[in-house]
PDB file of N, CA and C in Angstrom:
ATOM      1  N   UNK A   1     194.271 176.190 116.781  1.00  0.00           N
ATOM      2  CA  UNK A   1     194.735 176.572 118.106  1.00  0.00           C
ATOM      3  C   UNK A   1     195.102 178.055 118.073  1.00  0.00           C
ATOM      4  N   UNK A   2     194.583 178.831 119.035  1.00  0.00           N
ATOM      5  CA  UNK A   2     194.873 180.272 119.023  1.00  0.00           C
ATOM      6  C   UNK A   2     196.323 180.547 119.386  1.00  0.00           C
ATOM      7  N   UNK A   3     196.791 181.637 118.851  1.00  0.00           N
ATOM      8  CA  UNK A   3     198.166 182.050 119.110  1.00  0.00           C
ATOM      9  C   UNK A   3     198.317 182.552 120.529  1.00  0.00           C
ATOM     10  N   UNK A   4     199.446 182.253 121.157  1.00  0.00           N
ATOM     11  CA  UNK A   4     199.676 182.694 122.534  1.00  0.00           C
ATOM     12  C   UNK A   4     199.954 184.181 122.568  1.00  0.00           C
ATOM     13  N   UNK A   5     199.510 184.800 123.638  1.00  0.00           N
ATOM     14  CA  UNK A   5     199.746 186.223 123.838  1.00  0.00           C
ATOM     15  C   UNK A   5     201.204 186.422 124.254  1.00  0.00           C
ATOM     16  N   UNK A   6     201.893 187.420 123.693  1.00  0.00           N
ATOM     17  CA  UNK A   6     203.291 187.628 124.089  1.00  0.00           C
ATOM     18  C   UNK A   6     203.419 187.990 125.559  1.00  0.00           C
ATOM     19  N   UNK A   7     204.488 187.510 126.148  1.00  0.00           N
ATOM     20  CA  UNK A   7     204.752 187.710 127.577  1.00  0.00           C
ATOM     21  C   UNK A   7     205.727 188.865 127.710  1.00  0.00           C
ATOM     22  N   UNK A   8     205.370 189.880 128.474  1.00  0.00           N
ATOM     23  CA  UNK A   8     206.249 191.046 128.578  1.00  0.00           C
ATOM     24  C   UNK A   8     207.484 190.719 129.417  1.00  0.00           C
ATOM     25  N   UNK A   9     208.539 191.478 129.205  1.00  0.00           N
ATOM     26  CA  UNK A   9     209.793 191.267 129.922  1.00  0.00           C
ATOM     27  C   UNK A   9     209.605 191.542 131.406  1.00  0.00           C
ATOM     28  N   UNK A  10     208.829 192.579 131.726  1.00  0.00           N
ATOM     29  CA  UNK A  10     208.592 192.914 133.137  1.00  0.00           C
ATOM     30  C   UNK A  10     207.839 191.794 133.844  1.00  0.00           C
ATOM     31  N   UNK A  11     206.831 191.225 133.165  1.00  0.00           N
ATOM     32  CA  UNK A  11     206.074 190.133 133.770  1.00  0.00           C
ATOM     33  C   UNK A  11     206.965 188.912 133.986  1.00  0.00           C
ATOM     34  N   UNK A  12     207.790 188.616 133.004  1.00  0.00           N
ATOM     35  CA  UNK A  12     208.687 187.459 133.121  1.00  0.00           C
ATOM     36  C   UNK A  12     209.684 187.669 134.249  1.00  0.00           C
ATOM     37  N   UNK A  13     210.216 188.890 134.359  1.00  0.00           N
ATOM     38  CA  UNK A  13     211.165 189.204 135.423  1.00  0.00           C
ATOM     39  C   UNK A  13     210.505 189.032 136.787  1.00  0.00           C
ATOM     40  N   UNK A  14     209.285 189.537 136.917  1.00  0.00           N
ATOM     41  CA  UNK A  14     208.543 189.417 138.175  1.00  0.00           C
ATOM     42  C   UNK A  14     208.274 187.945 138.494  1.00  0.00           C
ATOM     43  N   UNK A  15     207.902 187.174 137.461  1.00  0.00           N
ATOM     44  CA  UNK A  15     207.634 185.749 137.661  1.00  0.00           C
ATOM     45  C   UNK A  15     208.886 185.021 138.145  1.00  0.00           C
ATOM     46  N   UNK A  16     210.029 185.321 137.553  1.00  0.00           N
ATOM     47  CA  UNK A  16     211.273 184.679 137.965  1.00  0.00           C
ATOM     48  C   UNK A  16     211.670 185.084 139.377  1.00  0.00           C
ATOM     49  N   UNK A  17     211.442 186.354 139.740  1.00  0.00           N
ATOM     50  CA  UNK A  17     211.747 186.801 141.101  1.00  0.00           C
ATOM     51  C   UNK A  17     210.869 186.086 142.116  1.00  0.00           C
ATOM     52  N   UNK A  18     209.584 185.955 141.792  1.00  0.00           N
ATOM     53  CA  UNK A  18     208.673 185.253 142.701  1.00  0.00           C
ATOM     54  C   UNK A  18     209.078 183.793 142.858  1.00  0.00           C
ATOM     55  N   UNK A  19     209.445 183.182 141.741  1.00  0.00           N
ATOM     56  CA  UNK A  19     209.872 181.782 141.796  1.00  0.00           C
ATOM     57  C   UNK A  19     211.126 181.632 142.648  1.00  0.00           C
ATOM     58  N   UNK A  20     212.078 182.569 142.490  1.00  0.00           N
ATOM     59  CA  UNK A  20     213.315 182.536 143.259  1.00  0.00           C
ATOM     60  C   UNK A  20     213.031 182.699 144.750  1.00  0.00           C
ATOM     61  N   UNK A  21     212.104 183.601 145.080  1.00  0.00           N
ATOM     62  CA  UNK A  21     211.755 183.807 146.491  1.00  0.00           C
ATOM     63  C   UNK A  21     211.104 182.563 147.083  1.00  0.00           C
ATOM     64  N   UNK A  22     210.212 181.943 146.315  1.00  0.00           N
ATOM     65  CA  UNK A  22     209.574 180.716 146.812  1.00  0.00           C
ATOM     66  C   UNK A  22     210.612 179.626 147.023  1.00  0.00           C
ATOM     67  N   UNK A  23     211.560 179.553 146.104  1.00  0.00           N
ATOM     68  CA  UNK A  23     212.596 178.530 146.200  1.00  0.00           C
ATOM     69  C   UNK A  23     213.453 178.729 147.439  1.00  0.00           C
ATOM     70  N   UNK A  24     213.732 179.964 147.785  1.00  0.00           N
ATOM     71  CA  UNK A  24     214.547 180.258 148.959  1.00  0.00           C
ATOM     72  C   UNK A  24     213.739 180.227 150.246  1.00  0.00           C
ATOM     73  N   UNK A  25     212.449 180.133 150.138  1.00  0.00           N
ATOM     74  CA  UNK A  25     211.626 180.074 151.336  1.00  0.00           C
ATOM     75  C   UNK A  25     211.322 181.439 151.914  1.00  0.00           C
ATOM     76  N   UNK A  26     211.348 182.466 151.084  1.00  0.00           N
ATOM     77  CA  UNK A  26     211.058 183.815 151.560  1.00  0.00           C
ATOM     78  C   UNK A  26     209.613 184.175 151.214  1.00  0.00           C
ATOM     79  N   UNK A  27     208.648 183.611 151.905  1.00  0.00           N
ATOM     80  CA  UNK A  27     207.261 183.908 151.625  1.00  0.00           C
ATOM     81  C   UNK A  27     206.735 185.071 152.456  1.00  0.00           C
ATOM     82  N   UNK A  28     207.559 185.639 153.320  1.00  0.00           N
ATOM     83  CA  UNK A  28     207.079 186.731 154.154  1.00  0.00           C
ATOM     84  C   UNK A  28     206.983 188.043 153.394  1.00  0.00           C
ATOM     85  N   UNK A  29     207.598 188.166 152.221  1.00  0.00           N
ATOM     86  CA  UNK A  29     207.460 189.349 151.389  1.00  0.00           C
ATOM     87  C   UNK A  29     208.210 190.560 151.895  1.00  0.00           C
ATOM     88  N   UNK A  30     209.256 190.380 152.669  1.00  0.00           N
ATOM     89  CA  UNK A  30     210.014 191.509 153.189  1.00  0.00           C
ATOM     90  C   UNK A  30     210.860 192.170 152.115  1.00  0.00           C
ATOM     91  N   UNK A  31     211.258 191.404 151.141  1.00  0.00           N
ATOM     92  CA  UNK A  31     212.129 191.935 150.102  1.00  0.00           C
ATOM     93  C   UNK A  31     211.318 192.749 149.108  1.00  0.00           C
ATOM     94  N   UNK A  32     211.837 193.870 148.687  1.00  0.00           N
ATOM     95  CA  UNK A  32     211.125 194.710 147.734  1.00  0.00           C
ATOM     96  C   UNK A  32     211.212 194.075 146.359  1.00  0.00           C
ATOM     97  N   UNK A  33     210.097 194.092 145.652  1.00  0.00           N
ATOM     98  CA  UNK A  33     210.086 193.478 144.334  1.00  0.00           C
ATOM     99  C   UNK A  33     210.585 194.426 143.263  1.00  0.00           C
ATOM    100  N   UNK A  34     210.751 195.722 143.580  1.00  0.00           N
ATOM    101  CA  UNK A  34     211.186 196.676 142.568  1.00  0.00           C
ATOM    102  C   UNK A  34     212.668 196.538 142.253  1.00  0.00           C
ATOM    103  N   UNK A  35     213.488 196.230 143.254  1.00  0.00           N
ATOM    104  CA  UNK A  35     214.928 196.123 143.019  1.00  0.00           C
ATOM    105  C   UNK A  35     215.428 194.833 143.647  1.00  0.00           C
ATOM    106  N   UNK A  36     215.580 193.803 142.832  1.00  0.00           N
ATOM    107  CA  UNK A  36     215.963 192.497 143.365  1.00  0.00           C
ATOM    108  C   UNK A  36     217.424 192.451 143.763  1.00  0.00           C
ATOM    109  N   UNK A  37     218.266 193.268 143.148  1.00  0.00           N
ATOM    110  CA  UNK A  37     219.692 193.207 143.444  1.00  0.00           C
ATOM    111  C   UNK A  37     220.012 193.769 144.813  1.00  0.00           C
ATOM    112  N   UNK A  38     219.267 194.752 145.260  1.00  0.00           N
ATOM    113  CA  UNK A  38     219.554 195.317 146.578  1.00  0.00           C
ATOM    114  C   UNK A  38     219.278 194.298 147.669  1.00  0.00           C
ATOM    115  N   UNK A  39     218.246 193.483 147.488  1.00  0.00           N
ATOM    116  CA  UNK A  39     217.933 192.468 148.481  1.00  0.00           C
ATOM    117  C   UNK A  39     219.010 191.418 148.582  1.00  0.00           C
ATOM    118  N   UNK A  40     219.538 190.995 147.444  1.00  0.00           N
ATOM    119  CA  UNK A  40     220.588 189.981 147.488  1.00  0.00           C
ATOM    120  C   UNK A  40     221.865 190.552 148.078  1.00  0.00           C
ATOM    121  N   UNK A  41     222.134 191.828 147.833  1.00  0.00           N
ATOM    122  CA  UNK A  41     223.327 192.459 148.388  1.00  0.00           C
ATOM    123  C   UNK A  41     223.214 192.537 149.911  1.00  0.00           C
ATOM    124  N   UNK A  42     222.026 192.853 150.413  1.00  0.00           N
ATOM    125  CA  UNK A  42     221.831 192.926 151.864  1.00  0.00           C
ATOM    126  C   UNK A  42     222.023 191.563 152.502  1.00  0.00           C
ATOM    127  N   UNK A  43     221.510 190.525 151.869  1.00  0.00           N
ATOM    128  CA  UNK A  43     221.666 189.184 152.432  1.00  0.00           C
ATOM    129  C   UNK A  43     223.129 188.778 152.447  1.00  0.00           C
ATOM    130  N   UNK A  44     223.887 189.127 151.413  1.00  0.00           N
ATOM    131  CA  UNK A  44     225.302 188.773 151.354  1.00  0.00           C
ATOM    132  C   UNK A  44     226.063 189.456 152.482  1.00  0.00           C
ATOM    133  N   UNK A  45     225.717 190.716 152.771  1.00  0.00           N
ATOM    134  CA  UNK A  45     226.383 191.430 153.854  1.00  0.00           C
ATOM    135  C   UNK A  45     226.068 190.795 155.202  1.00  0.00           C
ATOM    136  N   UNK A  46     224.838 190.332 155.371  1.00  0.00           N
ATOM    137  CA  UNK A  46     224.470 189.685 156.631  1.00  0.00           C
ATOM    138  C   UNK A  46     225.254 188.399 156.830  1.00  0.00           C
ATOM    139  N   UNK A  47     225.483 187.665 155.761  1.00  0.00           N
ATOM    140  CA  UNK A  47     226.177 186.389 155.875  1.00  0.00           C
ATOM    141  C   UNK A  47     227.642 186.566 156.218  1.00  0.00           C
ATOM    142  N   UNK A  48     228.281 187.607 155.685  1.00  0.00           N
ATOM    143  CA  UNK A  48     229.713 187.754 155.907  1.00  0.00           C
ATOM    144  C   UNK A  48     230.039 188.490 157.192  1.00  0.00           C
ATOM    145  N   UNK A  49     229.058 189.075 157.846  1.00  0.00           N
ATOM    146  CA  UNK A  49     229.314 189.816 159.070  1.00  0.00           C
ATOM    147  C   UNK A  49     229.347 188.848 160.250  1.00  0.00           C
ATOM    148  N   UNK A  50     230.487 188.779 160.945  1.00  0.00           N
ATOM    149  CA  UNK A  50     230.610 187.941 162.131  1.00  0.00           C
ATOM    150  C   UNK A  50     231.167 188.769 163.265  1.00  0.00           C
ATOM    151  N   UNK A  51     230.936 188.318 164.479  1.00  0.00           N
ATOM    152  CA  UNK A  51     231.347 189.111 165.634  1.00  0.00           C
ATOM    153  C   UNK A  51     232.853 189.071 165.868  1.00  0.00           C
ATOM    154  N   UNK A  52     233.518 187.982 165.527  1.00  0.00           N
ATOM    155  CA  UNK A  52     234.947 187.871 165.801  1.00  0.00           C
ATOM    156  C   UNK A  52     235.823 188.354 164.649  1.00  0.00           C
ATOM    157  N   UNK A  53     235.226 188.862 163.585  1.00  0.00           N
ATOM    158  CA  UNK A  53     236.004 189.427 162.497  1.00  0.00           C
ATOM    159  C   UNK A  53     236.400 188.427 161.431  1.00  0.00           C
ATOM    160  N   UNK A  54     236.197 187.142 161.642  1.00  0.00           N
ATOM    161  CA  UNK A  54     236.524 186.146 160.633  1.00  0.00           C
ATOM    162  C   UNK A  54     235.357 186.020 159.666  1.00  0.00           C
ATOM    163  N   UNK A  55     235.658 185.643 158.456  1.00  0.00           N
ATOM    164  CA  UNK A  55     234.575 185.459 157.500  1.00  0.00           C
ATOM    165  C   UNK A  55     233.890 184.123 157.767  1.00  0.00           C
ATOM    166  N   UNK A  56     232.710 183.987 157.192  1.00  0.00           N
ATOM    167  CA  UNK A  56     231.908 182.786 157.413  1.00  0.00           C
ATOM    168  C   UNK A  56     232.589 181.564 156.809  1.00  0.00           C
ATOM    169  N   UNK A  57     233.392 181.760 155.770  1.00  0.00           N
ATOM    170  CA  UNK A  57     234.004 180.616 155.098  1.00  0.00           C
ATOM    171  C   UNK A  57     234.983 179.870 155.985  1.00  0.00           C
ATOM    172  N   UNK A  58     235.531 180.521 157.009  1.00  0.00           N
ATOM    173  CA  UNK A  58     236.447 179.819 157.905  1.00  0.00           C
ATOM    174  C   UNK A  58     235.704 178.830 158.795  1.00  0.00           C
ATOM    175  N   UNK A  59     234.397 179.028 158.965  1.00  0.00           N
ATOM    176  CA  UNK A  59     233.620 178.139 159.815  1.00  0.00           C
ATOM    177  C   UNK A  59     233.082 176.941 159.040  1.00  0.00           C
ATOM    178  N   UNK A  60     233.170 176.978 157.718  1.00  0.00           N
ATOM    179  CA  UNK A  60     232.668 175.881 156.900  1.00  0.00           C
ATOM    180  C   UNK A  60     233.663 174.736 156.961  1.00  0.00           C
ATOM    181  N   UNK A  61     233.181 173.565 157.262  1.00  0.00           N
ATOM    182  CA  UNK A  61     234.043 172.399 157.391  1.00  0.00           C
ATOM    183  C   UNK A  61     233.964 171.532 156.135  1.00  0.00           C
ATOM    184  N   UNK A  62     232.768 171.267 155.661  1.00  0.00           N
ATOM    185  CA  UNK A  62     232.600 170.424 154.477  1.00  0.00           C
ATOM    186  C   UNK A  62     232.340 171.304 153.265  1.00  0.00           C
ATOM    187  N   UNK A  63     233.071 171.039 152.198  1.00  0.00           N
ATOM    188  CA  UNK A  63     232.917 171.820 150.986  1.00  0.00           C
ATOM    189  C   UNK A  63     231.827 171.210 150.116  1.00  0.00           C
ATOM    190  N   UNK A  64     231.067 172.067 149.458  1.00  0.00           N
ATOM    191  CA  UNK A  64     229.994 171.673 148.540  1.00  0.00           C
ATOM    192  C   UNK A  64     228.902 170.851 149.211  1.00  0.00           C
ATOM    193  N   UNK A  65     228.737 170.973 150.508  1.00  0.00           N
ATOM    194  CA  UNK A  65     227.683 170.253 151.219  1.00  0.00           C
ATOM    195  C   UNK A  65     226.349 170.925 150.923  1.00  0.00           C
ATOM    196  N   UNK A  66     225.379 170.172 150.416  1.00  0.00           N
ATOM    197  CA  UNK A  66     224.062 170.710 150.122  1.00  0.00           C
ATOM    198  C   UNK A  66     223.140 170.434 151.301  1.00  0.00           C
ATOM    199  N   UNK A  67     222.271 171.380 151.628  1.00  0.00           N
ATOM    200  CA  UNK A  67     221.362 171.148 152.753  1.00  0.00           C
ATOM    201  C   UNK A  67     220.391 170.025 152.430  1.00  0.00           C
ATOM    202  N   UNK A  68     220.230 169.139 153.354  1.00  0.00           N
ATOM    203  CA  UNK A  68     219.329 168.012 153.172  1.00  0.00           C
ATOM    204  C   UNK A  68     217.956 168.409 153.684  1.00  0.00           C
ATOM    205  N   UNK A  69     216.959 168.331 152.815  1.00  0.00           N
ATOM    206  CA  UNK A  69     215.604 168.714 153.196  1.00  0.00           C
ATOM    207  C   UNK A  69     214.768 167.475 153.461  1.00  0.00           C
ATOM    208  N   UNK A  70     215.393 166.468 153.948  1.00  0.00           N
ATOM    209  CA  UNK A  70     214.688 165.218 154.203  1.00  0.00           C
ATOM    210  C   UNK A  70     214.651 164.389 152.932  1.00  0.00           C
ATOM    211  N   UNK A  71     214.781 163.111 153.075  1.00  0.00           N
ATOM    212  CA  UNK A  71     214.769 162.248 151.903  1.00  0.00           C
ATOM    213  C   UNK A  71     213.361 162.196 151.344  1.00  0.00           C
ATOM    214  N   UNK A  72     213.240 162.358 150.050  1.00  0.00           N
ATOM    215  CA  UNK A  72     211.946 162.363 149.391  1.00  0.00           C
ATOM    216  C   UNK A  72     211.388 160.962 149.260  1.00  0.00           C
ATOM    217  N   UNK A  73     210.315 160.839 148.503  1.00  0.00           N
ATOM    218  CA  UNK A  73     209.691 159.516 148.348  1.00  0.00           C
ATOM    219  C   UNK A  73     210.591 158.522 147.624  1.00  0.00           C
ATOM    220  N   UNK A  74     211.514 159.025 146.803  1.00  0.00           N
ATOM    221  CA  UNK A  74     212.409 158.123 146.080  1.00  0.00           C
ATOM    222  C   UNK A  74     213.744 157.971 146.785  1.00  0.00           C
ATOM    223  N   UNK A  75     213.925 158.618 147.923  1.00  0.00           N
ATOM    224  CA  UNK A  75     215.177 158.510 148.655  1.00  0.00           C
ATOM    225  C   UNK A  75     216.291 159.324 148.044  1.00  0.00           C
ATOM    226  N   UNK A  76     215.964 160.469 147.438  1.00  0.00           N
ATOM    227  CA  UNK A  76     216.966 161.304 146.771  1.00  0.00           C
ATOM    228  C   UNK A  76     217.857 161.981 147.797  1.00  0.00           C
ATOM    229  N   UNK A  77     219.159 161.811 147.639  1.00  0.00           N
ATOM    230  CA  UNK A  77     220.137 162.457 148.508  1.00  0.00           C
ATOM    231  C   UNK A  77     220.910 163.472 147.677  1.00  0.00           C
ATOM    232  N   UNK A  78     220.784 164.782 147.978  1.00  0.00           N
ATOM    233  CA  UNK A  78     221.476 165.780 147.153  1.00  0.00           C
ATOM    234  C   UNK A  78     222.993 165.707 147.261  1.00  0.00           C
ATOM    235  N   UNK A  79     223.527 165.031 148.250  1.00  0.00           N
ATOM    236  CA  UNK A  79     224.975 164.960 148.442  1.00  0.00           C
ATOM    237  C   UNK A  79     225.581 163.654 147.937  1.00  0.00           C
ATOM    238  N   UNK A  80     224.825 162.873 147.190  1.00  0.00           N
ATOM    239  CA  UNK A  80     225.355 161.564 146.792  1.00  0.00           C
ATOM    240  C   UNK A  80     226.516 161.671 145.816  1.00  0.00           C
ATOM    241  N   UNK A  81     226.551 162.718 144.991  1.00  0.00           N
ATOM    242  CA  UNK A  81     227.653 162.877 144.048  1.00  0.00           C
ATOM    243  C   UNK A  81     228.655 163.921 144.515  1.00  0.00           C
ATOM    244  N   UNK A  82     228.474 164.437 145.699  1.00  0.00           N
ATOM    245  CA  UNK A  82     229.361 165.479 146.216  1.00  0.00           C
ATOM    246  C   UNK A  82     230.717 164.871 146.539  1.00  0.00           C
ATOM    247  N   UNK A  83     231.768 165.570 146.144  1.00  0.00           N
ATOM    248  CA  UNK A  83     233.105 165.125 146.521  1.00  0.00           C
ATOM    249  C   UNK A  83     233.290 165.422 147.997  1.00  0.00           C
ATOM    250  N   UNK A  84     233.729 164.465 148.753  1.00  0.00           N
ATOM    251  CA  UNK A  84     233.789 164.609 150.203  1.00  0.00           C
ATOM    252  C   UNK A  84     235.126 165.176 150.644  1.00  0.00           C
ATOM    253  N   UNK A  85     235.347 166.447 150.321  1.00  0.00           N
ATOM    254  CA  UNK A  85     236.524 167.154 150.787  1.00  0.00           C
ATOM    255  C   UNK A  85     236.161 167.859 152.077  1.00  0.00           C
ATOM    256  N   UNK A  86     237.038 167.855 153.019  1.00  0.00           N
ATOM    257  CA  UNK A  86     236.814 168.599 154.252  1.00  0.00           C
ATOM    258  C   UNK A  86     237.942 169.590 154.434  1.00  0.00           C
ATOM    259  N   UNK A  87     237.599 170.764 154.901  1.00  0.00           N
ATOM    260  CA  UNK A  87     238.586 171.811 155.112  1.00  0.00           C
ATOM    261  C   UNK A  87     239.347 171.513 156.396  1.00  0.00           C
ATOM    262  N   UNK A  88     240.674 171.547 156.313  1.00  0.00           N
ATOM    263  CA  UNK A  88     241.503 171.315 157.490  1.00  0.00           C
ATOM    264  C   UNK A  88     241.534 172.568 158.348  1.00  0.00           C
ATOM    265  N   UNK A  89     241.662 172.370 159.644  1.00  0.00           N
ATOM    266  CA  UNK A  89     241.747 173.516 160.545  1.00  0.00           C
ATOM    267  C   UNK A  89     243.104 174.193 160.380  1.00  0.00           C
ATOM    268  N   UNK A  90     243.194 175.428 160.825  1.00  0.00           N
ATOM    269  CA  UNK A  90     244.455 176.162 160.704  1.00  0.00           C
ATOM    270  C   UNK A  90     245.565 175.489 161.501  1.00  0.00           C
ATOM    271  N   UNK A  91     245.216 174.944 162.656  1.00  0.00           N
ATOM    272  CA  UNK A  91     246.223 174.277 163.482  1.00  0.00           C
ATOM    273  C   UNK A  91     246.803 173.066 162.753  1.00  0.00           C
ATOM    274  N   UNK A  92     245.927 172.317 162.084  1.00  0.00           N
ATOM    275  CA  UNK A  92     246.375 171.135 161.345  1.00  0.00           C
ATOM    276  C   UNK A  92     247.295 171.542 160.192  1.00  0.00           C
ATOM    277  N   UNK A  93     246.946 172.604 159.485  1.00  0.00           N
ATOM    278  CA  UNK A  93     247.771 173.073 158.366  1.00  0.00           C
ATOM    279  C   UNK A  93     249.130 173.539 158.869  1.00  0.00           C
ATOM    280  N   UNK A  94     249.144 174.287 159.964  1.00  0.00           N
ATOM    281  CA  UNK A  94     250.412 174.772 160.527  1.00  0.00           C
ATOM    282  C   UNK A  94     251.282 173.617 161.015  1.00  0.00           C
ATOM    283  N   UNK A  95     250.655 172.597 161.613  1.00  0.00           N
ATOM    284  CA  UNK A  95     251.400 171.431 162.084  1.00  0.00           C
ATOM    285  C   UNK A  95     252.057 170.710 160.909  1.00  0.00           C
ATOM    286  N   UNK A  96     251.327 170.560 159.814  1.00  0.00           N
ATOM    287  CA  UNK A  96     251.883 169.902 158.630  1.00  0.00           C
ATOM    288  C   UNK A  96     253.010 170.722 158.015  1.00  0.00           C
ATOM    289  N   UNK A  97     252.873 172.031 158.023  1.00  0.00           N
ATOM    290  CA  UNK A  97     253.938 172.892 157.486  1.00  0.00           C
ATOM    291  C   UNK A  97     255.210 172.753 158.305  1.00  0.00           C
ATOM    292  N   UNK A  98     255.065 172.745 159.641  1.00  0.00           N
ATOM    293  CA  UNK A  98     256.244 172.586 160.505  1.00  0.00           C
ATOM    294  C   UNK A  98     256.912 171.242 160.262  1.00  0.00           C
ATOM    295  N   UNK A  99     256.117 170.182 160.142  1.00  0.00           N
ATOM    296  CA  UNK A  99     256.678 168.850 159.906  1.00  0.00           C
ATOM    297  C   UNK A  99     257.393 168.796 158.557  1.00  0.00           C
ATOM    298  N   UNK A 100     256.861 169.468 157.558  1.00  0.00           N
ATOM    299  CA  UNK A 100     257.504 169.463 156.243  1.00  0.00           C
ATOM    300  C   UNK A 100     258.812 170.238 156.259  1.00  0.00           C
ATOM    301  N   UNK A 101     258.882 171.294 157.060  1.00  0.00           N
ATOM    302  CA  UNK A 101     260.123 172.072 157.130  1.00  0.00           C
ATOM    303  C   UNK A 101     261.199 171.345 157.923  1.00  0.00           C
ATOM    304  N   UNK A 102     260.813 170.563 158.914  1.00  0.00           N
ATOM    305  CA  UNK A 102     261.785 169.868 159.760  1.00  0.00           C
ATOM    306  C   UNK A 102     262.433 168.695 159.030  1.00  0.00           C
ATOM    307  N   UNK A 103     261.649 167.943 158.284  1.00  0.00           N
ATOM    308  CA  UNK A 103     262.164 166.744 157.633  1.00  0.00           C
ATOM    309  C   UNK A 103     262.853 167.124 156.323  1.00  0.00           C
ATOM    310  N   UNK A 104     264.108 166.729 156.187  1.00  0.00           N
ATOM    311  CA  UNK A 104     264.870 167.013 154.974  1.00  0.00           C
ATOM    312  C   UNK A 104     264.859 165.767 154.102  1.00  0.00           C
ATOM    313  N   UNK A 105     264.445 165.936 152.857  1.00  0.00           N
ATOM    314  CA  UNK A 105     264.381 164.809 151.934  1.00  0.00           C
ATOM    315  C   UNK A 105     265.724 164.623 151.247  1.00  0.00           C
ATOM    316  N   UNK A 106     266.136 163.372 151.125  1.00  0.00           N
ATOM    317  CA  UNK A 106     267.397 163.038 150.469  1.00  0.00           C
ATOM    318  C   UNK A 106     267.097 162.533 149.059  1.00  0.00           C
ATOM    319  N   UNK A 107     267.825 162.999 148.061  1.00  0.00           N
ATOM    320  CA  UNK A 107     267.594 162.503 146.696  1.00  0.00           C
ATOM    321  C   UNK A 107     267.974 161.029 146.583  1.00  0.00           C
ATOM    322  N   UNK A 108     267.236 160.309 145.768  1.00  0.00           N
ATOM    323  CA  UNK A 108     267.440 158.876 145.580  1.00  0.00           C
ATOM    324  C   UNK A 108     267.802 158.647 144.120  1.00  0.00           C
ATOM    325  N   UNK A 109     268.671 157.677 143.867  1.00  0.00           N
ATOM    326  CA  UNK A 109     269.079 157.385 142.491  1.00  0.00           C
ATOM    327  C   UNK A 109     267.919 156.759 141.713  1.00  0.00           C
ATOM    328  N   UNK A 110     268.001 156.835 140.395  1.00  0.00           N
ATOM    329  CA  UNK A 110     266.943 156.312 139.532  1.00  0.00           C
ATOM    330  C   UNK A 110     266.821 154.797 139.653  1.00  0.00           C
ATOM    331  N   UNK A 111     267.939 154.098 139.902  1.00  0.00           N
ATOM    332  CA  UNK A 111     267.891 152.638 140.029  1.00  0.00           C
ATOM    333  C   UNK A 111     267.090 152.212 141.255  1.00  0.00           C
ATOM    334  N   UNK A 112     267.146 153.003 142.320  1.00  0.00           N
ATOM    335  CA  UNK A 112     266.401 152.647 143.536  1.00  0.00           C
ATOM    336  C   UNK A 112     264.901 152.863 143.353  1.00  0.00           C
ATOM    337  N   UNK A 113     264.517 153.713 142.410  1.00  0.00           N
ATOM    338  CA  UNK A 113     263.098 153.959 142.167  1.00  0.00           C
ATOM    339  C   UNK A 113     262.450 152.854 141.336  1.00  0.00           C
ATOM    340  N   UNK A 114     263.239 152.076 140.644  1.00  0.00           N
ATOM    341  CA  UNK A 114     262.702 151.010 139.811  1.00  0.00           C
ATOM    342  C   UNK A 114     262.381 149.787 140.655  1.00  0.00           C
ATOM    343  N   UNK A 115     261.286 149.113 140.297  1.00  0.00           N
ATOM    344  CA  UNK A 115     260.859 147.901 140.987  1.00  0.00           C
ATOM    345  C   UNK A 115     261.026 146.703 140.067  1.00  0.00           C
ATOM    346  N   UNK A 116     261.298 145.577 140.672  1.00  0.00           N
ATOM    347  CA  UNK A 116     261.362 144.338 139.917  1.00  0.00           C
ATOM    348  C   UNK A 116     259.929 143.912 139.613  1.00  0.00           C
ATOM    349  N   UNK A 117     259.695 143.406 138.413  1.00  0.00           N
ATOM    350  CA  UNK A 117     258.353 143.015 137.998  1.00  0.00           C
ATOM    351  C   UNK A 117     257.785 141.910 138.885  1.00  0.00           C
ATOM    352  N   UNK A 118     258.668 141.073 139.447  1.00  0.00           N
ATOM    353  CA  UNK A 118     258.202 139.986 140.313  1.00  0.00           C
ATOM    354  C   UNK A 118     257.720 140.490 141.668  1.00  0.00           C
ATOM    355  N   UNK A 119     258.161 141.691 142.068  1.00  0.00           N
ATOM    356  CA  UNK A 119     257.660 142.267 143.323  1.00  0.00           C
ATOM    357  C   UNK A 119     256.226 142.763 143.167  1.00  0.00           C
ATOM    358  N   UNK A 120     255.887 143.193 141.970  1.00  0.00           N
ATOM    359  CA  UNK A 120     254.545 143.723 141.727  1.00  0.00           C
ATOM    360  C   UNK A 120     253.588 142.599 141.371  1.00  0.00           C
ATOM    361  N   UNK A 121     253.964 141.778 140.376  1.00  0.00           N
ATOM    362  CA  UNK A 121     253.120 140.682 139.917  1.00  0.00           C
ATOM    363  C   UNK A 121     253.757 139.367 140.329  1.00  0.00           C
ATOM    364  N   UNK A 122     253.124 138.667 141.237  1.00  0.00           N
ATOM    365  CA  UNK A 122     253.631 137.373 141.682  1.00  0.00           C
ATOM    366  C   UNK A 122     253.381 136.338 140.589  1.00  0.00           C
ATOM    367  N   UNK A 123     254.348 135.450 140.350  1.00  0.00           N
ATOM    368  CA  UNK A 123     254.151 134.421 139.317  1.00  0.00           C
ATOM    369  C   UNK A 123     252.973 133.519 139.682  1.00  0.00           C
ATOM    370  N   UNK A 124     252.094 133.289 138.693  1.00  0.00           N
ATOM    371  CA  UNK A 124     250.956 132.401 138.903  1.00  0.00           C
ATOM    372  C   UNK A 124     249.763 133.060 139.568  1.00  0.00           C
ATOM    373  N   UNK A 125     249.822 134.361 139.817  1.00  0.00           N
ATOM    374  CA  UNK A 125     248.697 135.004 140.507  1.00  0.00           C
ATOM    375  C   UNK A 125     247.599 135.436 139.549  1.00  0.00           C
ATOM    376  N   UNK A 126     247.910 135.680 138.296  1.00  0.00           N
ATOM    377  CA  UNK A 126     246.893 136.153 137.353  1.00  0.00           C
ATOM    378  C   UNK A 126     246.828 135.300 136.115  1.00  0.00           C
ATOM    379  N   UNK A 127     245.685 135.178 135.592  1.00  0.00           N
ATOM    380  CA  UNK A 127     245.499 134.398 134.362  1.00  0.00           C
ATOM    381  C   UNK A 127     244.879 135.290 133.334  1.00  0.00           C
TER     382      UNK A 127
END
């Protein structure tokens, strides 16, 4: 079997950039292939620029939500292992803060924190 020809670093870099562009769906070729970092920096600036001055992250409701590209032939769901945390609105957070400040907690003795074993495990319920 003949030996493989060495792959140059520039060729590998170009191949990875092309693969990344295909993966992102950028087949129009607008991005310059000479400097890949400038293109990503421009896209980041576009994403964070909003008309009302808030960042884009305030508009995100579900954390770690992956875009669904339609279920494949095997029914693969990219969000099946995603932790379903949702970001609370600012109004909800402020309401909870006010409620926490209004209610004063009273300390309880250690004896009141203990439970009787019969309250937890009913006699005859487990074998």
